[in-house]
Amino acid sequence: MATVPPGIRLLVSFDRDQWYRALTFLLTFLLYTSFHLSRKPISIVKSELHKNCSSVNELATIASSSSSQQPSLPSLHTGTDCSWKPFDKRNYKQLLGAMDYSFLCAYAVGMYLSGIIGERVPIRLYLTVGMLTSGLCTCLFGLGYVYNIHNLGFYIFVQVANGLVQTTGWPSVVTCISNWFGKGRRGLIMGLWNSHTSVGNILGSLIAGYWVSSNWGLSFIVPGLIIAVMGVVCFLFLIEHPNDLKSMYAQNSSPGKSQAPTNSWNGVNGHTEVYLQYKDNKTQVYYYNEDSVQNRKSYDTELLLPRDSVCVPKQPVVVVKREPQPSAISFMGALRIPGVIEFSLCLLFAKLVSYTFLFWLPLYITKTAHLDAKKAGDLSTLFDVGGIVGGILAGVISDKLGKRATTCAVMLLLAAPTLYGFSMISEFGLGPTIGMLLVCGGLVNGPYSLITTAVSADLGTHKSLKGNARALSTVTAIIDGTGSVGAALGPLLAGLLSPGGWDQVFYMLMIADFLALLLLLRLVTKELTSNKSRPISAVELKEH
């Protein structure tokens, strides 16, 4: 007999729960990758909406001087013909910043509501509707190119609508992944998982960059179709909680009525079923046979059988007991969880820095390195590559030390001077720029990744909640919603400050990093002075 291939032996070594856990990890990873993939095109298309038309102006000047003796004719090209109206004006940076602000402001406001709604509706359906609607909004922006729409109000409306529906994503996927993975090595697992943010940004940059110079409408339409398709996949395959599978298998394994032996039980009035009634009107899945019937009083039960002596066959009887569901936590109740306010405000400034890079880095590279839109978009993906490494390192270090706040604080402390170095070194050529992009990406996105994943999951399952699992979505939404306020302010401030020079933008980013650090000082002090702190990897995996 031939030996079983090692690959097959590896596959069968995993049990059913491990396969479902891997499916949830991969599926939620891909789902939120598509969210970020659909957000990225606007930063790539900015340089196409307003081009550098100096070369066109020079050609027009030469043509007019060479034909100075001939009657003047209207110029076929002006300094703004190569740009897309209404972004062809001198205040184009403010207009582009207003589009970013409209999306992110709607996202920030909607996030607070999204977490509360997500606790009260099925996550799978909630996420599916959000992804389908987001795909529609993203496609609508691209259709502005197809139908030659130059109304600023149209683009602002689409951005606001897209910002609102995209809030369905983050609380939903974090709740799902936290339901399937306990606290053991949560930093490492979520550090790996949260790389979907950078992977989505990279794919979004590459997809949008492929069409940006020829047909920028497709830079939005293709990502919009991708997130819509992933919404259908979510509806078909997402499993919200391991208990959903347990209830399904319990129903499948329960014996049918036709399978119950009735040799010694003739029933009452033709009915062969055994009924249990609970005085407290509560039900719970409880398997028992005739040997354990006498324990029924401990469950406050009363067996309804005829008064005559009967013979009950030995067979399992399923009794479903529904424990009263814990009520969803209120907004103020979530704020009272220790650490929620500090990490929320810290994320406000950390996300301000991250999203300023997300929306303005390609344009900055275009203006400073004098590259076209496609090359600048490709180069900006290195920031996200560094973000993947930074997020994983932050998770691993915080797991080993058992100190989430301290890990974030150290990375924020290193990020501020690195940002200044990037603003200086980026003027010395492509090589130094590549290196600094990787370092900045790791230090900027590391704390952002850790707070939005492992920290949010830790706080959403805090011991003060006494096992109430219905707080996770609300806590996640509060933290990410507060961070999204910073995400809205960052690109807006960048649009206002950049006309005075890019140095002012980098000074603003460094100040934001220092403020994020200051907000964590109390938690850092508490972690460093606590004698009970231990590596999180030592926590028993009882929650799996």
Foldseek 3Di string as FASTA:
>chain_A
DDDDDPVVVVVVVDDPLVVLLVVLLVLLLLLVLLLLLLVQLLLLLLCQQEDQQVVVVVVQVVVCVVCVVPDDDDDPDDSQPRHQPPCSDPLNLLLSLLLLLLLLVLLLVLLLVLLVVCLPDPLLVLSLVLLQQLLVLLLQVLVCQVVVPRDSVSSSVSSNSNSNSSSSRQLSSLQQSLQSADLALQLQSLLLSLLSNLSSNLNLLQLQLVCSVPRNSSSRNVSSVSSNVSSVVSNVDHDRHPVVVVVVVVVVPDDDPVPDDCPFPCDDPNDRDWDKDAPVRFKQWDWDFPVCPVVVVVVRIDTDDDPDDGDDDTDIDTIHGDDPADDADDLVRLVPQPPLVLLLLLLQLLLLLVLLLSNHQLVVCCVQVVDDSSVSSNLSSLLSVLLSVLSNVLSVVCLQQVANLVSLLVLLVVLLVLLVVLVVCVNVDDVSNSVSSSSNSNSSNNNNSSSLHSVLSCSCCDVVVVRNNSHSSSSSSSSVSSNSNSSSVNSSVCSVCPVVPCVVSSVSSSVSSVVSSVSSVVSVVVSVPDPPRGRSNPDDRPSD
